Structure formats: structure tokens, C-alpha cells
């Protein structure tokens, strides 16, 4: 008795099967109205795609492991920035980017900053590492220095104090939400 090949077994099993004939077609509505929630979610997704596009992963100016990251938008008071540099603001949120690829880090940073803004966190700490295990330069640190100034919610950042990771981490100050501005306004008016 000869052993059947896979093809012979297949043909024997499906031998009497024929494709179905299509008798009816189902028409779709020409336009489908989105609910407000669907439109909102689509806009958020489109905005996220645009944000990821402007956080480029192409070229970056290489930084050294001990280089200090520092940035302050116009309008940030010198005393506020000094307090940030000194690590005197409580760290309300942290993000660790060690062992992340550039693409993963970009996505993580965007998600983290959005979450901080949504939760009204004002000061955060991002640990990026010094790139000492890298053969070239601290890649994530270099990209972070490029990305953070382009993110609207970030109003200042500075390399951390040694007790928070030194030049392997960065303090990030975020813009006040409208809700926080209103709370501060009421508190200021009541203190008079």
C-alpha cells in the first residue's frame, strides 16, 4: 500500500467542494455619519500621528555623557527655573527610558507628557541614561534634548541633581492646565 502525498490527501478532502455563487450584493450607505465621540477620537489619533511626525528620529546632534541639558521658554521666571535646576520641586511623575529604542522612547515620551498634562502634574523626572554602554554617544539623551523643546506642554527642563540621577536624568516642568490656573487665581484672590 502506497502512502498518499499531502497534495493527494488535500484533493481527496476538497474534491467535491465548489465556490458559492453570489446572488445578492449588499449596498452600503454613501456617507456614514460619525458620532461626536468618534470624531473626537479620530482627531486625537490624527494629532498623535502629527506629533510623532514632528518628533524626528532622523538626525540628532550627539551629546556627551556628562553634558547638561537645559532649556527655558520665555516667560518662565528665573527663580522658578533655578528651583527646577536645584531639584527643589517635588517629582510628581517619572519615566525610565533605559534600554528603549529611539522609536520606543519617542512614543513613551509623548504618552508620558500627555498623561502628566491630563493629571495636572507640573514637575516630572525622565531618566534617559548617560549612554556609557553605547559604542558611540548617549543616543536617547541626545534625542530627548532635541524633542523636549518642541513639545508645547514642556516649559522648561534641566539635567537632574546627583540624587536624582545627575546628567543621566532630566527634570521637566510642564505648563499649568487651565484648571490649575483657575485654582491658583482663586487662591491668589482669597489671600488678599
N, C-alpha and C. Protein backbone atom coordinates (compact mmCIF):
# COMPACT_ATOMS: atom_id res chain seq x y z
N UNK A 1 0.84 -1.17 0.00
CA UNK A 1 0.00 0.00 0.00
C UNK A 1 0.89 1.24 0.00
N UNK A 2 0.64 2.11 -0.98
CA UNK A 2 1.43 3.33 -1.14
C UNK A 2 0.92 4.44 -0.24
N UNK A 3 1.85 5.21 0.34
CA UNK A 3 1.47 6.31 1.21
C UNK A 3 1.05 7.51 0.35
N UNK A 4 -0.08 8.15 0.73
CA UNK A 4 -0.58 9.31 -0.02
C UNK A 4 0.27 10.54 0.28
N UNK A 5 0.44 11.37 -0.72
CA UNK A 5 1.14 12.64 -0.52
C UNK A 5 0.15 13.65 0.06
N UNK A 6 0.70 14.73 0.58
CA UNK A 6 -0.14 15.79 1.15
C UNK A 6 -1.11 16.35 0.11
N UNK A 7 -0.64 16.50 -1.13
CA UNK A 7 -1.49 17.04 -2.19
C UNK A 7 -2.64 16.09 -2.50
N UNK A 8 -2.37 14.81 -2.55
CA UNK A 8 -3.42 13.83 -2.82
C UNK A 8 -4.46 13.82 -1.71
N UNK A 9 -4.01 13.93 -0.47
CA UNK A 9 -4.94 13.97 0.67
C UNK A 9 -5.80 15.22 0.56
N UNK A 10 -5.17 16.34 0.27
CA UNK A 10 -5.91 17.61 0.15
C UNK A 10 -6.97 17.53 -0.94
N UNK A 11 -6.58 17.06 -2.13
CA UNK A 11 -7.51 16.97 -3.25
C UNK A 11 -8.67 16.01 -2.95
N UNK A 12 -8.39 14.91 -2.25
CA UNK A 12 -9.44 13.96 -1.89
C UNK A 12 -10.43 14.62 -0.93
N UNK A 13 -9.92 15.42 0.03
CA UNK A 13 -10.77 16.03 1.03
C UNK A 13 -11.63 17.16 0.46
N UNK A 14 -11.10 17.94 -0.48
CA UNK A 14 -11.83 19.09 -1.01
C UNK A 14 -12.36 18.86 -2.41
N UNK A 15 -12.29 17.65 -2.86
CA UNK A 15 -12.66 17.33 -4.25
C UNK A 15 -14.05 17.77 -4.66
N UNK A 16 -15.04 17.63 -3.82
CA UNK A 16 -16.40 17.96 -4.24
C UNK A 16 -16.88 19.32 -3.73
N UNK A 17 -15.95 20.15 -3.34
CA UNK A 17 -16.31 21.49 -2.85
C UNK A 17 -16.24 22.47 -4.02
N UNK A 18 -17.30 23.30 -4.14
CA UNK A 18 -17.34 24.31 -5.20
C UNK A 18 -17.60 25.67 -4.58
N UNK A 19 -17.08 26.74 -5.19
CA UNK A 19 -17.32 28.08 -4.64
C UNK A 19 -18.80 28.43 -4.68
N UNK A 20 -19.27 29.17 -3.72
CA UNK A 20 -20.65 29.63 -3.69
C UNK A 20 -20.84 30.72 -4.72
N UNK A 21 -22.02 30.74 -5.30
CA UNK A 21 -22.33 31.79 -6.26
C UNK A 21 -22.94 32.96 -5.51
N UNK A 22 -22.49 34.14 -5.88
CA UNK A 22 -23.00 35.34 -5.22
C UNK A 22 -24.32 35.73 -5.89
N UNK A 23 -25.37 35.74 -5.10
CA UNK A 23 -26.68 36.04 -5.66
C UNK A 23 -27.13 37.45 -5.33
N UNK A 24 -26.69 37.98 -4.22
CA UNK A 24 -27.10 39.32 -3.82
C UNK A 24 -25.88 40.14 -3.43
N UNK A 25 -26.00 41.44 -3.58
CA UNK A 25 -24.96 42.32 -3.07
C UNK A 25 -25.60 43.26 -2.07
N UNK A 26 -24.85 43.57 -1.08
CA UNK A 26 -25.35 44.45 -0.03
C UNK A 26 -24.79 45.83 -0.29
N UNK A 27 -25.66 46.81 -0.44
CA UNK A 27 -25.22 48.18 -0.67
C UNK A 27 -24.89 48.88 0.64
N UNK A 28 -23.87 49.68 0.63
CA UNK A 28 -23.50 50.47 1.80
C UNK A 28 -23.98 51.90 1.61
N UNK A 29 -24.29 52.54 2.73
CA UNK A 29 -24.66 53.95 2.62
C UNK A 29 -23.48 54.75 2.07
N UNK A 30 -23.78 55.71 1.25
CA UNK A 30 -22.72 56.51 0.63
C UNK A 30 -21.94 57.28 1.69
N UNK A 31 -22.62 57.83 2.67
CA UNK A 31 -21.93 58.55 3.73
C UNK A 31 -22.37 57.99 5.07
N UNK A 32 -21.41 57.83 5.94
CA UNK A 32 -21.70 57.33 7.28
C UNK A 32 -21.40 58.47 8.25
N UNK A 33 -22.38 58.85 9.01
CA UNK A 33 -22.21 59.93 9.98
C UNK A 33 -21.48 59.41 11.21
N UNK A 34 -20.43 60.10 11.60
CA UNK A 34 -19.70 59.76 12.82
C UNK A 34 -20.38 60.41 14.00
N UNK A 35 -20.33 59.71 15.11
CA UNK A 35 -20.83 60.32 16.35
C UNK A 35 -19.79 61.34 16.81
N UNK A 36 -20.17 62.28 17.68
CA UNK A 36 -19.18 63.24 18.18
C UNK A 36 -17.99 62.54 18.84
N UNK A 37 -18.23 61.45 19.55
CA UNK A 37 -17.15 60.70 20.19
C UNK A 37 -16.18 60.11 19.18
N UNK A 38 -16.73 59.58 18.07
CA UNK A 38 -15.87 59.02 17.03
C UNK A 38 -15.03 60.10 16.36
N UNK A 39 -15.65 61.26 16.11
CA UNK A 39 -14.89 62.38 15.51
C UNK A 39 -13.78 62.81 16.43
N UNK A 40 -14.08 62.91 17.74
CA UNK A 40 -13.08 63.33 18.72
C UNK A 40 -11.91 62.34 18.75
N UNK A 41 -12.21 61.03 18.79
CA UNK A 41 -11.15 60.02 18.83
C UNK A 41 -10.31 60.06 17.56
N UNK A 42 -10.96 60.28 16.40
CA UNK A 42 -10.21 60.37 15.15
C UNK A 42 -9.29 61.58 15.16
N UNK A 43 -9.78 62.73 15.66
CA UNK A 43 -8.94 63.92 15.74
C UNK A 43 -7.74 63.69 16.65
N UNK A 44 -7.96 63.03 17.77
CA UNK A 44 -6.86 62.73 18.70
C UNK A 44 -5.83 61.83 18.01
N UNK A 45 -6.28 60.80 17.32
CA UNK A 45 -5.36 59.91 16.62
C UNK A 45 -4.57 60.67 15.56
N UNK A 46 -5.24 61.53 14.80
CA UNK A 46 -4.55 62.30 13.77
C UNK A 46 -3.52 63.24 14.39
N UNK A 47 -3.89 63.85 15.52
CA UNK A 47 -2.96 64.75 16.21
C UNK A 47 -1.75 63.96 16.72
N UNK A 48 -1.98 62.76 17.25
CA UNK A 48 -0.88 61.94 17.74
C UNK A 48 0.06 61.56 16.61
N UNK A 49 -0.50 61.23 15.44
CA UNK A 49 0.33 60.91 14.29
C UNK A 49 1.16 62.13 13.90
N UNK A 50 0.54 63.31 13.88
CA UNK A 50 1.27 64.53 13.54
C UNK A 50 2.37 64.80 14.55
N UNK A 51 2.07 64.60 15.85
CA UNK A 51 3.08 64.82 16.88
C UNK A 51 4.27 63.89 16.68
N UNK A 52 3.97 62.64 16.38
CA UNK A 52 5.06 61.70 16.19
C UNK A 52 5.89 62.07 14.97
N UNK A 53 5.25 62.70 13.96
CA UNK A 53 6.00 63.09 12.78
C UNK A 53 6.96 64.23 13.09
N UNK A 54 6.54 65.18 13.96
CA UNK A 54 7.44 66.30 14.22
C UNK A 54 8.48 65.97 15.27
N UNK A 55 8.36 64.87 15.98
CA UNK A 55 9.44 64.42 16.85
C UNK A 55 10.33 63.51 16.01
N UNK A 56 11.20 64.13 15.26
CA UNK A 56 12.01 63.43 14.27
C UNK A 56 13.01 62.47 14.91
N UNK A 57 13.23 61.36 14.22
CA UNK A 57 14.26 60.41 14.63
C UNK A 57 15.38 60.37 13.59
N UNK A 58 15.40 61.36 12.71
CA UNK A 58 16.40 61.36 11.65
C UNK A 58 17.79 61.71 12.19
N UNK A 59 18.11 62.97 12.23
CA UNK A 59 19.44 63.41 12.65
C UNK A 59 19.36 64.03 14.03
N UNK A 60 20.38 63.81 14.81
CA UNK A 60 20.45 64.42 16.13
C UNK A 60 21.90 64.83 16.39
N UNK A 61 22.06 65.97 17.02
CA UNK A 61 23.39 66.45 17.42
C UNK A 61 23.84 65.59 18.60
N UNK A 62 24.94 64.84 18.46
CA UNK A 62 25.37 63.96 19.55
C UNK A 62 25.83 64.76 20.77
N UNK A 63 25.38 64.31 21.94
CA UNK A 63 25.80 64.91 23.20
C UNK A 63 26.73 63.94 23.92
N UNK A 64 27.48 64.48 24.87
CA UNK A 64 28.36 63.64 25.69
C UNK A 64 27.64 63.15 26.93
N UNK A 65 28.15 62.10 27.57
CA UNK A 65 27.51 61.53 28.75
C UNK A 65 27.34 62.54 29.90
N UNK A 66 28.26 63.47 30.03
CA UNK A 66 28.21 64.44 31.13
C UNK A 66 27.65 65.80 30.72
N UNK A 67 27.22 65.94 29.45
CA UNK A 67 26.64 67.21 29.00
C UNK A 67 25.36 67.50 29.79
N UNK A 68 25.17 68.77 30.10
CA UNK A 68 23.99 69.20 30.86
C UNK A 68 22.91 69.64 29.88
N UNK A 69 21.70 69.14 30.09
CA UNK A 69 20.55 69.56 29.30
C UNK A 69 19.89 70.73 30.02
N UNK A 70 19.56 71.78 29.29
CA UNK A 70 18.94 72.94 29.91
C UNK A 70 18.13 73.71 28.88
N UNK A 71 16.90 74.06 29.26
CA UNK A 71 16.02 74.79 28.36
C UNK A 71 14.97 75.51 29.20
N UNK A 72 14.65 76.75 28.78
CA UNK A 72 13.62 77.52 29.48
C UNK A 72 12.90 78.36 28.44
N UNK A 73 11.57 78.28 28.41
CA UNK A 73 10.78 79.11 27.50
C UNK A 73 10.72 80.53 28.04
N UNK A 74 10.49 81.49 27.14
CA UNK A 74 10.26 82.86 27.56
C UNK A 74 9.07 82.89 28.50
N UNK A 75 9.16 83.67 29.53
CA UNK A 75 8.05 83.79 30.48
C UNK A 75 8.24 82.97 31.74
N UNK A 76 9.16 82.00 31.72
CA UNK A 76 9.44 81.22 32.93
C UNK A 76 10.37 82.07 33.80
N UNK A 77 9.93 82.33 35.01
CA UNK A 77 10.71 83.18 35.91
C UNK A 77 12.04 82.53 36.27
N UNK A 78 13.06 83.37 36.43
CA UNK A 78 14.40 82.87 36.77
C UNK A 78 14.39 82.09 38.08
N UNK A 79 13.64 82.56 39.07
CA UNK A 79 13.56 81.86 40.35
C UNK A 79 12.93 80.49 40.22
N UNK A 80 11.92 80.38 39.38
CA UNK A 80 11.26 79.10 39.14
C UNK A 80 12.23 78.15 38.46
N UNK A 81 12.97 78.65 37.48
CA UNK A 81 13.93 77.81 36.77
C UNK A 81 15.08 77.38 37.69
N UNK A 82 15.53 78.29 38.53
CA UNK A 82 16.59 77.97 39.48
C UNK A 82 16.15 76.85 40.43
N UNK A 83 14.90 76.95 40.90
CA UNK A 83 14.35 75.93 41.79
C UNK A 83 14.25 74.57 41.07
N UNK A 84 13.90 74.59 39.78
CA UNK A 84 13.85 73.36 38.98
C UNK A 84 15.25 72.77 38.86
N UNK A 85 16.24 73.60 38.52
CA UNK A 85 17.63 73.15 38.38
C UNK A 85 18.15 72.50 39.66
N UNK A 86 17.75 73.05 40.78
CA UNK A 86 18.23 72.57 42.08
C UNK A 86 17.45 71.34 42.57
N UNK A 87 16.46 70.93 41.82
CA UNK A 87 15.69 69.75 42.20
C UNK A 87 14.80 69.98 43.41
N UNK A 88 14.34 71.21 43.58
CA UNK A 88 13.56 71.56 44.76
C UNK A 88 12.05 71.43 44.55
N UNK A 89 11.62 71.07 43.36
CA UNK A 89 10.21 70.79 43.14
C UNK A 89 9.97 69.30 43.39
N UNK A 90 8.84 68.96 44.00
CA UNK A 90 8.56 67.53 44.19
C UNK A 90 8.35 66.86 42.83
N UNK A 91 8.96 65.69 42.66
CA UNK A 91 8.80 64.93 41.42
C UNK A 91 7.44 64.24 41.48
N UNK A 92 6.55 64.64 40.59
CA UNK A 92 5.17 64.12 40.59
C UNK A 92 4.99 62.92 39.67
N UNK A 93 5.92 62.73 38.73
CA UNK A 93 5.83 61.61 37.79
C UNK A 93 7.23 61.28 37.29
N UNK A 94 7.47 60.01 37.00
CA UNK A 94 8.78 59.60 36.50
C UNK A 94 8.62 58.70 35.27
N UNK A 95 9.62 58.76 34.42
CA UNK A 95 9.67 57.92 33.22
C UNK A 95 11.10 57.41 33.09
N UNK A 96 11.25 56.11 32.91
CA UNK A 96 12.57 55.50 32.73
C UNK A 96 12.71 55.05 31.28
N UNK A 97 13.69 55.61 30.57
CA UNK A 97 13.90 55.29 29.16
C UNK A 97 15.10 54.36 28.94
N UNK A 98 15.68 53.84 30.01
CA UNK A 98 16.81 52.92 29.86
C UNK A 98 16.40 51.72 29.01
N UNK A 99 17.31 51.31 28.14
CA UNK A 99 17.13 50.14 27.29
C UNK A 99 15.96 50.26 26.30
N UNK A 100 15.56 51.47 25.98
CA UNK A 100 14.50 51.70 25.00
C UNK A 100 15.14 52.06 23.67
N UNK A 101 14.49 51.69 22.58
CA UNK A 101 14.94 52.13 21.26
C UNK A 101 14.50 53.59 21.09
N UNK A 102 15.01 54.24 20.07
CA UNK A 102 14.64 55.63 19.81
C UNK A 102 13.14 55.72 19.54
N UNK A 103 12.60 54.81 18.74
CA UNK A 103 11.17 54.82 18.43
C UNK A 103 10.33 54.60 19.69
N UNK A 104 10.75 53.66 20.52
CA UNK A 104 10.02 53.40 21.77
C UNK A 104 10.09 54.61 22.69
N UNK A 105 11.28 55.21 22.77
CA UNK A 105 11.45 56.38 23.63
C UNK A 105 10.57 57.53 23.16
N UNK A 106 10.50 57.75 21.86
CA UNK A 106 9.68 58.84 21.32
C UNK A 106 8.22 58.63 21.71
N UNK A 107 7.72 57.44 21.51
CA UNK A 107 6.34 57.14 21.87
C UNK A 107 6.11 57.26 23.38
N UNK A 108 7.05 56.74 24.17
CA UNK A 108 6.93 56.81 25.63
C UNK A 108 6.92 58.26 26.12
N UNK A 109 7.78 59.08 25.55
CA UNK A 109 7.86 60.49 25.98
C UNK A 109 6.54 61.20 25.68
N UNK A 110 6.01 61.01 24.48
CA UNK A 110 4.74 61.66 24.12
C UNK A 110 3.61 61.21 25.04
N UNK A 111 3.51 59.91 25.26
CA UNK A 111 2.47 59.37 26.12
C UNK A 111 2.63 59.89 27.54
N UNK A 112 3.85 59.91 28.03
CA UNK A 112 4.14 60.37 29.39
C UNK A 112 3.77 61.85 29.57
N UNK A 113 4.19 62.69 28.64
CA UNK A 113 3.90 64.13 28.74
C UNK A 113 2.39 64.37 28.69
N UNK A 114 1.70 63.67 27.79
CA UNK A 114 0.24 63.82 27.72
C UNK A 114 -0.43 63.39 29.02
N UNK A 115 0.04 62.28 29.57
CA UNK A 115 -0.56 61.78 30.82
C UNK A 115 -0.30 62.77 31.96
N UNK A 116 0.90 63.30 32.03
CA UNK A 116 1.22 64.30 33.06
C UNK A 116 0.31 65.52 32.93
N UNK A 117 0.13 65.99 31.71
CA UNK A 117 -0.72 67.16 31.47
C UNK A 117 -2.16 66.86 31.87
N UNK A 118 -2.64 65.67 31.52
CA UNK A 118 -4.01 65.29 31.83
C UNK A 118 -4.23 65.19 33.34
N UNK A 119 -3.19 64.77 34.08
CA UNK A 119 -3.29 64.60 35.52
C UNK A 119 -2.82 65.83 36.30
N UNK A 120 -2.56 66.92 35.59
CA UNK A 120 -2.10 68.18 36.19
C UNK A 120 -0.78 68.06 36.94
N UNK A 121 0.08 67.16 36.51
CA UNK A 121 1.43 67.08 37.10
C UNK A 121 2.25 68.22 36.53
N UNK A 122 2.97 68.91 37.36
CA UNK A 122 3.76 70.07 36.91
C UNK A 122 5.24 69.75 36.77
N UNK A 123 5.77 68.87 37.62
CA UNK A 123 7.20 68.55 37.51
C UNK A 123 7.38 67.04 37.41
N UNK A 124 8.27 66.65 36.51
CA UNK A 124 8.49 65.23 36.26
C UNK A 124 9.99 64.98 36.14
N UNK A 125 10.35 63.73 36.22
CA UNK A 125 11.74 63.31 36.07
C UNK A 125 11.80 62.23 35.00
N UNK A 126 12.62 62.45 33.99
CA UNK A 126 12.82 61.45 32.94
C UNK A 126 14.26 60.95 33.05
N UNK A 127 14.41 59.65 33.26
CA UNK A 127 15.74 59.03 33.32
C UNK A 127 16.06 58.48 31.94
N UNK A 128 17.11 59.03 31.33
CA UNK A 128 17.47 58.63 29.97
C UNK A 128 18.79 57.89 29.91
N UNK A 129 19.58 57.96 30.95
CA UNK A 129 20.88 57.32 30.96
C UNK A 129 21.95 58.20 30.34
N UNK A 130 23.20 57.79 30.55
CA UNK A 130 24.33 58.55 30.03
C UNK A 130 24.93 57.92 28.79
N UNK A 131 24.39 56.78 28.38
CA UNK A 131 24.87 56.13 27.17
C UNK A 131 26.24 55.51 27.32
N UNK A 132 26.66 55.19 28.52
CA UNK A 132 28.00 54.63 28.73
C UNK A 132 28.13 53.22 28.14
N UNK A 133 27.03 52.52 27.96
CA UNK A 133 27.07 51.19 27.33
C UNK A 133 27.05 51.29 25.81
N UNK A 134 26.80 52.48 25.32
CA UNK A 134 26.75 52.70 23.87
C UNK A 134 28.15 52.81 23.31
N UNK A 135 28.32 52.36 22.08
CA UNK A 135 29.63 52.45 21.43
C UNK A 135 29.93 53.86 20.93
N UNK A 136 28.88 54.68 20.78
CA UNK A 136 29.09 55.99 20.18
C UNK A 136 28.81 57.13 21.17
N UNK A 137 27.57 57.46 21.38
CA UNK A 137 27.18 58.59 22.22
C UNK A 137 25.84 58.26 22.88
N UNK A 138 25.42 59.04 23.89
CA UNK A 138 24.13 58.77 24.53
C UNK A 138 22.97 59.14 23.60
N UNK A 139 22.49 58.18 22.87
CA UNK A 139 21.50 58.40 21.81
C UNK A 139 20.19 58.94 22.37
N UNK A 140 19.62 58.27 23.37
CA UNK A 140 18.32 58.69 23.90
C UNK A 140 18.43 60.08 24.51
N UNK A 141 19.51 60.34 25.23
CA UNK A 141 19.72 61.67 25.83
C UNK A 141 19.76 62.73 24.74
N UNK A 142 20.47 62.45 23.66
CA UNK A 142 20.59 63.41 22.55
C UNK A 142 19.23 63.68 21.91
N UNK A 143 18.45 62.64 21.67
CA UNK A 143 17.13 62.84 21.08
C UNK A 143 16.19 63.56 22.04
N UNK A 144 16.28 63.24 23.32
CA UNK A 144 15.42 63.90 24.30
C UNK A 144 15.69 65.41 24.32
N UNK A 145 16.96 65.79 24.23
CA UNK A 145 17.32 67.21 24.18
C UNK A 145 16.74 67.89 22.94
N UNK A 146 16.59 67.14 21.87
CA UNK A 146 16.01 67.66 20.63
C UNK A 146 14.49 67.73 20.72
N UNK A 147 13.86 66.72 21.32
CA UNK A 147 12.40 66.62 21.34
C UNK A 147 11.73 67.54 22.35
N UNK A 148 12.24 67.60 23.57
CA UNK A 148 11.54 68.31 24.64
C UNK A 148 11.20 69.76 24.31
N UNK A 149 12.10 70.54 23.71
CA UNK A 149 11.73 71.93 23.39
C UNK A 149 10.60 72.06 22.38
N UNK A 150 10.35 71.01 21.61
CA UNK A 150 9.30 71.07 20.59
C UNK A 150 7.93 70.66 21.12
N UNK A 151 7.88 70.15 22.34
CA UNK A 151 6.62 69.73 22.93
C UNK A 151 6.01 70.91 23.67
N UNK A 152 4.84 71.31 23.24
CA UNK A 152 4.18 72.52 23.73
C UNK A 152 4.00 72.55 25.25
N UNK A 153 3.68 71.41 25.85
CA UNK A 153 3.42 71.37 27.29
C UNK A 153 4.68 71.57 28.13
N UNK A 154 5.85 71.35 27.55
CA UNK A 154 7.12 71.48 28.28
C UNK A 154 7.54 72.94 28.27
N UNK A 155 7.67 73.54 29.48
CA UNK A 155 8.08 74.94 29.54
C UNK A 155 9.53 75.10 29.98
N UNK A 156 10.09 74.06 30.59
CA UNK A 156 11.49 74.11 30.99
C UNK A 156 11.97 72.70 31.32
N UNK A 157 13.29 72.50 31.17
CA UNK A 157 13.90 71.26 31.64
C UNK A 157 15.36 71.53 31.96
N UNK A 158 15.90 70.68 32.83
CA UNK A 158 17.30 70.80 33.21
C UNK A 158 17.79 69.46 33.72
N UNK A 159 19.07 69.15 33.47
CA UNK A 159 19.65 67.91 34.00
C UNK A 159 19.47 67.86 35.50
N UNK A 160 19.26 66.67 36.01
CA UNK A 160 18.92 66.47 37.41
C UNK A 160 20.13 66.59 38.33
N UNK A 161 19.84 66.75 39.60
CA UNK A 161 20.86 66.71 40.64
C UNK A 161 21.32 65.26 40.80
N UNK A 162 22.49 65.07 41.40
CA UNK A 162 23.05 63.71 41.52
C UNK A 162 22.13 62.75 42.25
N UNK A 163 21.37 63.24 43.24
CA UNK A 163 20.47 62.35 43.98
C UNK A 163 19.27 61.89 43.16
N UNK A 164 19.07 62.48 41.97
CA UNK A 164 18.01 62.05 41.05
C UNK A 164 18.58 61.47 39.75
N UNK A 165 19.88 61.21 39.71
CA UNK A 165 20.46 60.60 38.51
C UNK A 165 21.44 61.48 37.76
N UNK A 166 21.65 62.70 38.21
CA UNK A 166 22.63 63.59 37.57
C UNK A 166 22.37 63.79 36.09
N UNK A 167 23.44 63.77 35.30
CA UNK A 167 23.29 64.03 33.86
C UNK A 167 22.69 62.84 33.11
N UNK A 168 22.27 61.81 33.83
CA UNK A 168 21.56 60.69 33.22
C UNK A 168 20.06 60.83 33.35
N UNK A 169 19.61 61.96 33.92
CA UNK A 169 18.18 62.23 34.10
C UNK A 169 17.92 63.71 33.86
N UNK A 170 16.67 64.05 33.66
CA UNK A 170 16.32 65.45 33.42
C UNK A 170 15.01 65.78 34.14
N UNK A 171 15.01 66.94 34.82
CA UNK A 171 13.78 67.46 35.40
C UNK A 171 13.00 68.14 34.29
N UNK A 172 11.70 67.93 34.25
CA UNK A 172 10.85 68.55 33.23
C UNK A 172 9.73 69.30 33.93
N UNK A 173 9.57 70.58 33.60
CA UNK A 173 8.47 71.38 34.13
C UNK A 173 7.43 71.53 33.04
N UNK A 174 6.18 71.26 33.42
CA UNK A 174 5.08 71.31 32.45
C UNK A 174 4.20 72.52 32.67
N UNK A 175 3.60 72.96 31.60
CA UNK A 175 2.68 74.09 31.60
C UNK A 175 1.50 73.80 32.52
N UNK A 176 1.01 74.83 33.21
CA UNK A 176 -0.18 74.68 34.05
C UNK A 176 -1.39 74.44 33.16
N UNK A 177 -2.25 73.56 33.62
CA UNK A 177 -3.51 73.34 32.90
C UNK A 177 -4.43 74.51 33.21
N UNK A 178 -5.48 74.65 32.43
CA UNK A 178 -6.45 75.71 32.66
C UNK A 178 -7.07 75.56 34.04
N UNK A 179 -7.31 74.32 34.44
CA UNK A 179 -7.89 74.05 35.75
C UNK A 179 -6.96 74.55 36.87
N UNK A 180 -5.65 74.28 36.73
CA UNK A 180 -4.68 74.73 37.73
C UNK A 180 -4.58 76.26 37.76
N UNK A 181 -4.68 76.89 36.60
CA UNK A 181 -4.64 78.35 36.55
C UNK A 181 -5.82 78.94 37.32
N UNK A 182 -6.99 78.34 37.14
CA UNK A 182 -8.18 78.83 37.85
C UNK A 182 -8.04 78.64 39.36
N UNK A 183 -7.53 77.50 39.77
CA UNK A 183 -7.32 77.23 41.21
C UNK A 183 -6.35 78.24 41.79
N UNK A 184 -5.24 78.48 41.11
CA UNK A 184 -4.26 79.45 41.59
C UNK A 184 -4.84 80.86 41.61
N UNK A 185 -5.65 81.19 40.61
CA UNK A 185 -6.27 82.52 40.57
C UNK A 185 -7.19 82.73 41.76
N UNK A 186 -7.99 81.73 42.08
CA UNK A 186 -8.90 81.82 43.23
C UNK A 186 -8.10 81.91 44.53
N UNK A 187 -7.04 81.11 44.63
CA UNK A 187 -6.22 81.13 45.85
C UNK A 187 -5.57 82.50 46.03
N UNK A 188 -5.09 83.07 44.93
CA UNK A 188 -4.44 84.38 44.99
C UNK A 188 -5.45 85.46 45.40
N UNK A 189 -6.66 85.41 44.84
CA UNK A 189 -7.68 86.39 45.19
C UNK A 189 -8.11 86.27 46.66
N UNK A 190 -8.21 85.05 47.16
CA UNK A 190 -8.62 84.81 48.53
C UNK A 190 -7.54 85.18 49.55
N UNK A 191 -6.28 85.21 49.11
CA UNK A 191 -5.20 85.53 50.06
C UNK A 191 -5.04 87.04 50.25
N UNK A 192 -5.74 87.84 49.53
CA UNK A 192 -5.63 89.29 49.65
C UNK A 192 -6.41 89.82 50.78
